[in-house]
């Protein structure tokens, strides 16, 4: 939506205002706030018939109208007019409560706080990396129910983080176990050694990169390479055979190679199941 606003305001407002509007619209996108888009499109159609001051005022009013509607949905009263655009945008982004390393600390703040306004001020101070005193004067109303909902969202984040950690540990374990069964270095293990952030990589990405090399391998070697790539994606032992074979059949249509690779993969799955 900022593209539309940028077309309206470029060369009509200061770079600071344009930058601030950009940050605010990006923050609204994170909340899937879209009600203001029709009004922006209408403003764009009428732009040539309006002077610079009117365009500026109407664009700001539309964006801030959406912000106030969003805060009303959250039952929050925040003095948005006394916040710089960049800080307001950061507050809006913080209120999405995407998973972060701060979630444990934020849960502790909620558990220890006796006042809902104070709790949100402290939470936002952590998210914005600022002192509570810098924002406490603009946070006016925060219902207890809103803090409860924030706490529930943070708990969901933490459970997801725990599952992700467990999934990473399981993937690393399986790749190491598979590496112990193979002689050749595999693409999956090399990727893991490069960075654990590659865990979860779509197998097609690595298969496309190494397709030609795999076609030159013996069926068993090809199978081990594909097994490592599929394990890196986070697939467990139970789904491994079906997943590996679906990718091998994409790489080659040679029935002899597919049959040999299938037998080798069956044996590898059986060996992995025996591992502690």
C-alpha atoms as a PDB file:
ATOM      1  CA  UNK A   1       0.000   0.000   0.000  1.00  0.00           C
ATOM      2  CA  UNK A   2       2.948   2.339   0.497  1.00  0.00           C
ATOM      3  CA  UNK A   3       3.574   2.279  -3.266  1.00  0.00           C
ATOM      4  CA  UNK A   4       0.202   3.925  -3.814  1.00  0.00           C
ATOM      5  CA  UNK A   5       0.861   6.487  -1.082  1.00  0.00           C
ATOM      6  CA  UNK A   6       4.357   7.107  -2.398  1.00  0.00           C
ATOM      7  CA  UNK A   7       2.970   7.872  -5.853  1.00  0.00           C
ATOM      8  CA  UNK A   8       0.578  10.368  -4.274  1.00  0.00           C
ATOM      9  CA  UNK A   9       3.038  12.079  -1.948  1.00  0.00           C
ATOM     10  CA  UNK A  10       6.411  11.889  -3.705  1.00  0.00           C
ATOM     11  CA  UNK A  11       7.738  15.387  -4.411  1.00  0.00           C
ATOM     12  CA  UNK A  12       4.799  16.794  -2.463  1.00  0.00           C
ATOM     13  CA  UNK A  13       5.957  16.133   1.107  1.00  0.00           C
ATOM     14  CA  UNK A  14       9.290  16.067   2.904  1.00  0.00           C
ATOM     15  CA  UNK A  15      11.468  12.922   2.789  1.00  0.00           C
ATOM     16  CA  UNK A  16      10.973  12.575   6.564  1.00  0.00           C
ATOM     17  CA  UNK A  17       7.190  12.422   6.202  1.00  0.00           C
ATOM     18  CA  UNK A  18       7.450   9.995   3.286  1.00  0.00           C
ATOM     19  CA  UNK A  19       9.758   7.740   5.308  1.00  0.00           C
ATOM     20  CA  UNK A  20       7.421   7.864   8.296  1.00  0.00           C
ATOM     21  CA  UNK A  21       4.395   6.970   6.172  1.00  0.00           C
ATOM     22  CA  UNK A  22       6.374   4.073   4.724  1.00  0.00           C
ATOM     23  CA  UNK A  23       7.144   2.692   8.195  1.00  0.00           C
ATOM     24  CA  UNK A  24       3.536   3.060   9.326  1.00  0.00           C
ATOM     25  CA  UNK A  25       2.068   1.313   6.284  1.00  0.00           C
ATOM     26  CA  UNK A  26       4.538  -1.556   6.638  1.00  0.00           C
ATOM     27  CA  UNK A  27       3.529  -1.914  10.289  1.00  0.00           C
ATOM     28  CA  UNK A  28      -0.148  -1.965   9.323  1.00  0.00           C
ATOM     29  CA  UNK A  29       0.585  -4.692   6.770  1.00  0.00           C
ATOM     30  CA  UNK A  30       1.894  -6.878   9.584  1.00  0.00           C
ATOM     31  CA  UNK A  31      -1.515  -6.580  11.244  1.00  0.00           C
ATOM     32  CA  UNK A  32      -3.293  -7.339   7.945  1.00  0.00           C
ATOM     33  CA  UNK A  33      -5.000  -3.973   8.347  1.00  0.00           C
ATOM     34  CA  UNK A  34      -6.520  -3.252   4.936  1.00  0.00           C
ATOM     35  CA  UNK A  35      -9.671  -1.219   5.545  1.00  0.00           C
ATOM     36  CA  UNK A  36      -7.937   2.033   4.566  1.00  0.00           C
ATOM     37  CA  UNK A  37      -6.792   0.841   1.153  1.00  0.00           C
ATOM     38  CA  UNK A  38      -9.954   1.811  -0.720  1.00  0.00           C
ATOM     39  CA  UNK A  39      -9.658   5.362   0.604  1.00  0.00           C
ATOM     40  CA  UNK A  40      -6.011   5.535  -0.479  1.00  0.00           C
ATOM     41  CA  UNK A  41      -6.911   4.347  -3.970  1.00  0.00           C
ATOM     42  CA  UNK A  42      -9.633   6.989  -4.177  1.00  0.00           C
ATOM     43  CA  UNK A  43      -7.175   9.638  -3.018  1.00  0.00           C
ATOM     44  CA  UNK A  44      -4.759   8.528  -5.735  1.00  0.00           C
ATOM     45  CA  UNK A  45      -7.436   9.017  -8.398  1.00  0.00           C
ATOM     46  CA  UNK A  46      -8.190  12.509  -7.104  1.00  0.00           C
ATOM     47  CA  UNK A  47      -4.557  13.545  -6.489  1.00  0.00           C
ATOM     48  CA  UNK A  48      -4.251  15.861  -9.494  1.00  0.00           C
ATOM     49  CA  UNK A  49      -7.249  17.845  -8.304  1.00  0.00           C
ATOM     50  CA  UNK A  50      -5.848  18.570  -4.841  1.00  0.00           C
ATOM     51  CA  UNK A  51      -3.146  20.894  -3.597  1.00  0.00           C
ATOM     52  CA  UNK A  52      -0.068  19.710  -1.695  1.00  0.00           C
ATOM     53  CA  UNK A  53      -1.370  20.590   1.768  1.00  0.00           C
ATOM     54  CA  UNK A  54      -4.703  18.861   1.193  1.00  0.00           C
ATOM     55  CA  UNK A  55      -3.010  15.726  -0.128  1.00  0.00           C
ATOM     56  CA  UNK A  56      -0.680  15.612   2.841  1.00  0.00           C
ATOM     57  CA  UNK A  57      -3.480  16.101   5.359  1.00  0.00           C
ATOM     58  CA  UNK A  58      -5.822  13.571   3.787  1.00  0.00           C
ATOM     59  CA  UNK A  59      -3.114  10.902   3.392  1.00  0.00           C
ATOM     60  CA  UNK A  60      -2.055  11.311   7.013  1.00  0.00           C
ATOM     61  CA  UNK A  61      -5.674  11.253   8.167  1.00  0.00           C
ATOM     62  CA  UNK A  62      -6.376   8.026   6.273  1.00  0.00           C
ATOM     63  CA  UNK A  63      -3.324   6.238   7.680  1.00  0.00           C
ATOM     64  CA  UNK A  64      -3.927   7.441  11.227  1.00  0.00           C
ATOM     65  CA  UNK A  65      -7.599   6.567  10.943  1.00  0.00           C
ATOM     66  CA  UNK A  66      -6.595   2.979  10.227  1.00  0.00           C
ATOM     67  CA  UNK A  67      -4.121   3.012  13.123  1.00  0.00           C
ATOM     68  CA  UNK A  68      -6.775   4.244  15.545  1.00  0.00           C
ATOM     69  CA  UNK A  69      -9.233   1.635  14.295  1.00  0.00           C
ATOM     70  CA  UNK A  70      -6.622  -1.057  14.864  1.00  0.00           C
ATOM     71  CA  UNK A  71      -5.859   0.143  18.392  1.00  0.00           C
ATOM     72  CA  UNK A  72      -9.587   0.291  19.117  1.00  0.00           C
ATOM     73  CA  UNK A  73      -9.879  -3.371  18.108  1.00  0.00           C
ATOM     74  CA  UNK A  74      -7.164  -4.102  20.665  1.00  0.00           C
ATOM     75  CA  UNK A  75      -9.026  -1.979  23.259  1.00  0.00           C
ATOM     76  CA  UNK A  76      -5.934   0.209  23.617  1.00  0.00           C
ATOM     77  CA  UNK A  77      -5.833   3.969  24.033  1.00  0.00           C
ATOM     78  CA  UNK A  78      -2.488   5.325  22.873  1.00  0.00           C
ATOM     79  CA  UNK A  79      -1.778   8.992  22.196  1.00  0.00           C
ATOM     80  CA  UNK A  80      -0.604   8.481  18.620  1.00  0.00           C
ATOM     81  CA  UNK A  81      -0.492  12.221  17.897  1.00  0.00           C
ATOM     82  CA  UNK A  82       2.348  12.694  20.385  1.00  0.00           C
ATOM     83  CA  UNK A  83       4.548   9.979  18.922  1.00  0.00           C
ATOM     84  CA  UNK A  84       7.013  10.294  16.102  1.00  0.00           C
ATOM     85  CA  UNK A  85       5.955   8.235  13.114  1.00  0.00           C
ATOM     86  CA  UNK A  86       8.962   5.935  13.391  1.00  0.00           C
ATOM     87  CA  UNK A  87       8.308   5.193  17.076  1.00  0.00           C
ATOM     88  CA  UNK A  88       4.598   4.678  16.467  1.00  0.00           C
ATOM     89  CA  UNK A  89       5.448   2.254  13.665  1.00  0.00           C
ATOM     90  CA  UNK A  90       7.750   0.303  15.987  1.00  0.00           C
ATOM     91  CA  UNK A  91       5.013   0.137  18.624  1.00  0.00           C
ATOM     92  CA  UNK A  92       2.560  -1.214  16.051  1.00  0.00           C
ATOM     93  CA  UNK A  93       5.104  -3.799  14.906  1.00  0.00           C
ATOM     94  CA  UNK A  94       5.776  -4.794  18.507  1.00  0.00           C
ATOM     95  CA  UNK A  95       2.057  -5.336  19.093  1.00  0.00           C
ATOM     96  CA  UNK A  96       2.100  -8.138  16.509  1.00  0.00           C
ATOM     97  CA  UNK A  97       4.176 -10.152  19.009  1.00  0.00           C
ATOM     98  CA  UNK A  98       6.005 -12.292  16.512  1.00  0.00           C
ATOM     99  CA  UNK A  99       8.218 -14.950  18.181  1.00  0.00           C
ATOM    100  CA  UNK A 100      11.417 -13.431  19.560  1.00  0.00           C
ATOM    101  CA  UNK A 101      14.216 -14.060  22.030  1.00  0.00           C
ATOM    102  CA  UNK A 102      12.502 -11.629  24.413  1.00  0.00           C
ATOM    103  CA  UNK A 103       9.373 -13.746  24.935  1.00  0.00           C
ATOM    104  CA  UNK A 104      10.547 -15.285  28.227  1.00  0.00           C
ATOM    105  CA  UNK A 105      11.263 -11.840  29.655  1.00  0.00           C
ATOM    106  CA  UNK A 106       7.911 -10.502  28.470  1.00  0.00           C
ATOM    107  CA  UNK A 107       6.050 -13.372  30.142  1.00  0.00           C
ATOM    108  CA  UNK A 108       7.921 -12.604  33.373  1.00  0.00           C
ATOM    109  CA  UNK A 109       6.892  -8.944  33.134  1.00  0.00           C
ATOM    110  CA  UNK A 110       3.234  -9.942  32.814  1.00  0.00           C
ATOM    111  CA  UNK A 111       3.457 -12.386  35.710  1.00  0.00           C
ATOM    112  CA  UNK A 112       5.092  -9.838  38.013  1.00  0.00           C
ATOM    113  CA  UNK A 113       3.127  -6.741  37.045  1.00  0.00           C
ATOM    114  CA  UNK A 114       0.154  -5.556  39.101  1.00  0.00           C
ATOM    115  CA  UNK A 115      -1.036  -2.919  36.626  1.00  0.00           C
ATOM    116  CA  UNK A 116      -1.956  -3.571  33.000  1.00  0.00           C
ATOM    117  CA  UNK A 117      -0.785  -0.161  31.747  1.00  0.00           C
ATOM    118  CA  UNK A 118       2.573  -0.576  33.481  1.00  0.00           C
ATOM    119  CA  UNK A 119       2.853  -4.065  32.042  1.00  0.00           C
ATOM    120  CA  UNK A 120       2.381  -2.884  28.451  1.00  0.00           C
ATOM    121  CA  UNK A 121       4.758   0.031  28.973  1.00  0.00           C
ATOM    122  CA  UNK A 122       7.476  -2.343  30.203  1.00  0.00           C
ATOM    123  CA  UNK A 123       6.774  -4.812  27.411  1.00  0.00           C
ATOM    124  CA  UNK A 124       7.023  -2.128  24.744  1.00  0.00           C
ATOM    125  CA  UNK A 125      10.176  -0.736  26.348  1.00  0.00           C
ATOM    126  CA  UNK A 126      11.796  -4.156  25.908  1.00  0.00           C
ATOM    127  CA  UNK A 127      10.571  -4.480  22.325  1.00  0.00           C
ATOM    128  CA  UNK A 128      11.627  -0.945  21.379  1.00  0.00           C
ATOM    129  CA  UNK A 129      14.876  -1.079  23.393  1.00  0.00           C
ATOM    130  CA  UNK A 130      14.077   2.117  25.240  1.00  0.00           C
ATOM    131  CA  UNK A 131      13.354   3.279  28.782  1.00  0.00           C
ATOM    132  CA  UNK A 132       9.751   2.920  30.042  1.00  0.00           C
ATOM    133  CA  UNK A 133       9.768   6.647  30.861  1.00  0.00           C
ATOM    134  CA  UNK A 134      10.099   7.428  27.153  1.00  0.00           C
ATOM    135  CA  UNK A 135       6.689   5.970  26.310  1.00  0.00           C
ATOM    136  CA  UNK A 136       4.704   5.831  29.558  1.00  0.00           C
ATOM    137  CA  UNK A 137       3.022   9.211  28.940  1.00  0.00           C
ATOM    138  CA  UNK A 138       1.407   8.044  25.690  1.00  0.00           C
ATOM    139  CA  UNK A 139      -0.033   4.704  26.903  1.00  0.00           C
ATOM    140  CA  UNK A 140      -3.333   5.573  28.561  1.00  0.00           C
ATOM    141  CA  UNK A 141      -5.719   2.599  28.605  1.00  0.00           C
ATOM    142  CA  UNK A 142      -4.807  -1.111  28.598  1.00  0.00           C
ATOM    143  CA  UNK A 143      -7.519  -3.540  29.730  1.00  0.00           C
ATOM    144  CA  UNK A 144      -6.448  -6.540  31.785  1.00  0.00           C
ATOM    145  CA  UNK A 145      -8.010  -8.753  29.111  1.00  0.00           C
ATOM    146  CA  UNK A 146      -5.575  -7.350  26.541  1.00  0.00           C
ATOM    147  CA  UNK A 147      -2.579  -8.202  28.722  1.00  0.00           C
ATOM    148  CA  UNK A 148      -4.014 -11.688  29.229  1.00  0.00           C
ATOM    149  CA  UNK A 149      -4.334 -12.112  25.451  1.00  0.00           C
ATOM    150  CA  UNK A 150      -0.743 -10.915  24.982  1.00  0.00           C
ATOM    151  CA  UNK A 151       0.430 -13.425  27.586  1.00  0.00           C
ATOM    152  CA  UNK A 152      -1.389 -16.234  25.769  1.00  0.00           C
ATOM    153  CA  UNK A 153       0.231 -15.231  22.470  1.00  0.00           C
ATOM    154  CA  UNK A 154       3.655 -15.232  24.102  1.00  0.00           C
ATOM    155  CA  UNK A 155       3.041 -18.712  25.530  1.00  0.00           C
ATOM    156  CA  UNK A 156       2.139 -19.932  22.037  1.00  0.00           C
ATOM    157  CA  UNK A 157       5.393 -18.421  20.765  1.00  0.00           C
ATOM    158  CA  UNK A 158       7.380 -20.194  23.463  1.00  0.00           C
ATOM    159  CA  UNK A 159       5.757 -23.555  22.760  1.00  0.00           C
ATOM    160  CA  UNK A 160       6.523 -23.102  19.069  1.00  0.00           C
ATOM    161  CA  UNK A 161      10.124 -22.224  19.896  1.00  0.00           C
ATOM    162  CA  UNK A 162      10.443 -25.354  22.036  1.00  0.00           C
ATOM    163  CA  UNK A 163       9.048 -27.503  19.219  1.00  0.00           C
ATOM    164  CA  UNK A 164      11.418 -25.871  16.740  1.00  0.00           C
ATOM    165  CA  UNK A 165      14.379 -26.584  19.041  1.00  0.00           C
ATOM    166  CA  UNK A 166      13.297 -30.182  19.447  1.00  0.00           C
ATOM    167  CA  UNK A 167      12.859 -30.484  15.679  1.00  0.00           C
ATOM    168  CA  UNK A 168      16.328 -29.074  15.069  1.00  0.00           C
ATOM    169  CA  UNK A 169      17.851 -31.499  17.549  1.00  0.00           C
ATOM    170  CA  UNK A 170      16.063 -34.428  15.913  1.00  0.00           C
ATOM    171  CA  UNK A 171      17.218 -33.367  12.440  1.00  0.00           C
ATOM    172  CA  UNK A 172      20.828 -33.010  13.576  1.00  0.00           C
ATOM    173  CA  UNK A 173      20.677 -36.410  15.265  1.00  0.00           C
ATOM    174  CA  UNK A 174      19.282 -38.146  12.157  1.00  0.00           C
ATOM    175  CA  UNK A 175      21.802 -36.513   9.837  1.00  0.00           C
ATOM    176  CA  UNK A 176      24.658 -37.577  12.100  1.00  0.00           C
ATOM    177  CA  UNK A 177      23.297 -41.105  12.297  1.00  0.00           C
ATOM    178  CA  UNK A 178      22.955 -41.233   8.527  1.00  0.00           C
ATOM    179  CA  UNK A 179      26.479 -39.870   8.091  1.00  0.00           C
ATOM    180  CA  UNK A 180      27.730 -42.746  10.227  1.00  0.00           C
ATOM    181  CA  UNK A 181      26.204 -45.194   7.743  1.00  0.00           C
ATOM    182  CA  UNK A 182      27.704 -43.634   4.610  1.00  0.00           C
ATOM    183  CA  UNK A 183      31.205 -43.410   3.202  1.00  0.00           C
ATOM    184  CA  UNK A 184      30.689 -40.360   1.005  1.00  0.00           C
ATOM    185  CA  UNK A 185      30.103 -36.846   2.296  1.00  0.00           C
ATOM    186  CA  UNK A 186      26.477 -35.888   1.699  1.00  0.00           C
ATOM    187  CA  UNK A 187      24.901 -32.635   0.598  1.00  0.00           C
ATOM    188  CA  UNK A 188      22.666 -32.596   3.662  1.00  0.00           C
ATOM    189  CA  UNK A 189      25.537 -32.973   6.122  1.00  0.00           C
ATOM    190  CA  UNK A 190      27.671 -30.393   4.313  1.00  0.00           C
ATOM    191  CA  UNK A 191      24.767 -27.944   4.491  1.00  0.00           C
ATOM    192  CA  UNK A 192      24.264 -28.613   8.189  1.00  0.00           C
ATOM    193  CA  UNK A 193      27.959 -28.029   8.862  1.00  0.00           C
ATOM    194  CA  UNK A 194      27.724 -24.775   6.932  1.00  0.00           C
ATOM    195  CA  UNK A 195      24.846 -23.476   9.071  1.00  0.00           C
ATOM    196  CA  UNK A 196      22.037 -24.882  11.224  1.00  0.00           C
ATOM    197  CA  UNK A 197      19.883 -22.169   9.664  1.00  0.00           C
ATOM    198  CA  UNK A 198      19.737 -24.362   6.558  1.00  0.00           C
ATOM    199  CA  UNK A 199      17.681 -26.916   8.485  1.00  0.00           C
ATOM    200  CA  UNK A 200      14.224 -26.781   6.963  1.00  0.00           C
ATOM    201  CA  UNK A 201      15.481 -25.985   3.457  1.00  0.00           C
ATOM    202  CA  UNK A 202      13.071 -27.053   0.715  1.00  0.00           C
ATOM    203  CA  UNK A 203      14.623 -30.216  -0.789  1.00  0.00           C
ATOM    204  CA  UNK A 204      13.937 -28.951  -4.311  1.00  0.00           C
ATOM    205  CA  UNK A 205      16.397 -26.097  -3.797  1.00  0.00           C
ATOM    206  CA  UNK A 206      19.342 -28.437  -3.159  1.00  0.00           C
ATOM    207  CA  UNK A 207      18.165 -31.085  -5.599  1.00  0.00           C
ATOM    208  CA  UNK A 208      18.125 -28.561  -8.433  1.00  0.00           C
ATOM    209  CA  UNK A 209      21.624 -27.402  -7.488  1.00  0.00           C
ATOM    210  CA  UNK A 210      23.051 -30.942  -7.458  1.00  0.00           C
ATOM    211  CA  UNK A 211      20.831 -32.710  -9.998  1.00  0.00           C
ATOM    212  CA  UNK A 212      23.502 -33.239 -12.661  1.00  0.00           C
ATOM    213  CA  UNK A 213      26.023 -34.611 -10.161  1.00  0.00           C
ATOM    214  CA  UNK A 214      23.427 -37.010  -8.756  1.00  0.00           C
ATOM    215  CA  UNK A 215      22.593 -38.383 -12.190  1.00  0.00           C
ATOM    216  CA  UNK A 216      26.230 -39.475 -12.491  1.00  0.00           C
ATOM    217  CA  UNK A 217      26.122 -41.433  -9.198  1.00  0.00           C
ATOM    218  CA  UNK A 218      25.367 -45.060  -8.567  1.00  0.00           C
ATOM    219  CA  UNK A 219      21.762 -45.627  -7.389  1.00  0.00           C
ATOM    220  CA  UNK A 220      22.807 -46.255  -3.782  1.00  0.00           C
ATOM    221  CA  UNK A 221      24.953 -43.122  -3.726  1.00  0.00           C
ATOM    222  CA  UNK A 222      22.137 -41.095  -5.252  1.00  0.00           C
ATOM    223  CA  UNK A 223      19.756 -42.420  -2.614  1.00  0.00           C
ATOM    224  CA  UNK A 224      22.103 -41.422   0.225  1.00  0.00           C
ATOM    225  CA  UNK A 225      22.428 -37.912  -1.157  1.00  0.00           C
ATOM    226  CA  UNK A 226      18.671 -37.528  -1.441  1.00  0.00           C
ATOM    227  CA  UNK A 227      18.154 -39.040   2.018  1.00  0.00           C
ATOM    228  CA  UNK A 228      20.493 -36.422   3.498  1.00  0.00           C
ATOM    229  CA  UNK A 229      18.710 -33.591   1.706  1.00  0.00           C
ATOM    230  CA  UNK A 230      15.289 -34.809   2.821  1.00  0.00           C
ATOM    231  CA  UNK A 231      16.499 -35.225   6.417  1.00  0.00           C
ATOM    232  CA  UNK A 232      17.857 -31.672   6.328  1.00  0.00           C
ATOM    233  CA  UNK A 233      14.374 -30.437   5.413  1.00  0.00           C
ATOM    234  CA  UNK A 234      13.086 -31.799   8.722  1.00  0.00           C
ATOM    235  CA  UNK A 235      11.384 -34.986   7.559  1.00  0.00           C
ATOM    236  CA  UNK A 236      11.377 -37.753  10.158  1.00  0.00           C
ATOM    237  CA  UNK A 237      12.075 -41.461   9.751  1.00  0.00           C
ATOM    238  CA  UNK A 238       8.419 -42.403   9.368  1.00  0.00           C
ATOM    239  CA  UNK A 239       7.947 -40.304   6.225  1.00  0.00           C
ATOM    240  CA  UNK A 240      11.496 -40.677   4.914  1.00  0.00           C
ATOM    241  CA  UNK A 241      10.986 -43.516   2.409  1.00  0.00           C
ATOM    242  CA  UNK A 242       8.029 -41.950   0.619  1.00  0.00           C
ATOM    243  CA  UNK A 243       9.632 -38.502   0.533  1.00  0.00           C
ATOM    244  CA  UNK A 244      12.981 -39.777  -0.764  1.00  0.00           C
ATOM    245  CA  UNK A 245      11.432 -41.862  -3.486  1.00  0.00           C
ATOM    246  CA  UNK A 246       9.220 -39.039  -4.690  1.00  0.00           C
ATOM    247  CA  UNK A 247      12.335 -36.918  -5.236  1.00  0.00           C
ATOM    248  CA  UNK A 248      14.369 -39.710  -6.800  1.00  0.00           C
ATOM    249  CA  UNK A 249      11.575 -40.253  -9.317  1.00  0.00           C
ATOM    250  CA  UNK A 250      11.847 -36.561 -10.176  1.00  0.00           C
ATOM    251  CA  UNK A 251      15.594 -36.884 -10.751  1.00  0.00           C
ATOM    252  CA  UNK A 252      15.504 -40.008 -12.911  1.00  0.00           C
ATOM    253  CA  UNK A 253      12.947 -42.017 -14.844  1.00  0.00           C
ATOM    254  CA  UNK A 254      15.244 -45.025 -15.229  1.00  0.00           C
ATOM    255  CA  UNK A 255      13.321 -47.919 -13.624  1.00  0.00           C
ATOM    256  CA  UNK A 256      16.547 -49.782 -12.849  1.00  0.00           C
ATOM    257  CA  UNK A 257      17.984 -46.815 -10.942  1.00  0.00           C
ATOM    258  CA  UNK A 258      14.696 -46.194  -9.124  1.00  0.00           C
ATOM    259  CA  UNK A 259      14.435 -49.850  -8.059  1.00  0.00           C
ATOM    260  CA  UNK A 260      18.013 -49.948  -6.771  1.00  0.00           C
ATOM    261  CA  UNK A 261      17.589 -46.647  -4.978  1.00  0.00           C
ATOM    262  CA  UNK A 262      14.349 -47.892  -3.409  1.00  0.00           C
ATOM    263  CA  UNK A 263      15.993 -51.004  -1.977  1.00  0.00           C
ATOM    264  CA  UNK A 264      18.888 -48.964  -0.616  1.00  0.00           C
ATOM    265  CA  UNK A 265      16.540 -46.430   0.968  1.00  0.00           C
ATOM    266  CA  UNK A 266      14.479 -49.190   2.597  1.00  0.00           C
ATOM    267  CA  UNK A 267      17.660 -50.537   4.174  1.00  0.00           C
ATOM    268  CA  UNK A 268      18.765 -47.070   5.297  1.00  0.00           C
ATOM    269  CA  UNK A 269      15.398 -46.394   6.934  1.00  0.00           C
ATOM    270  CA  UNK A 270      15.584 -49.728   8.729  1.00  0.00           C
ATOM    271  CA  UNK A 271      19.094 -48.916   9.962  1.00  0.00           C
ATOM    272  CA  UNK A 272      18.020 -45.484  11.188  1.00  0.00           C
ATOM    273  CA  UNK A 273      15.118 -47.017  13.084  1.00  0.00           C
ATOM    274  CA  UNK A 274      17.583 -49.215  14.983  1.00  0.00           C
ATOM    275  CA  UNK A 275      19.569 -46.176  16.115  1.00  0.00           C
ATOM    276  CA  UNK A 276      19.014 -45.024  19.729  1.00  0.00           C
END
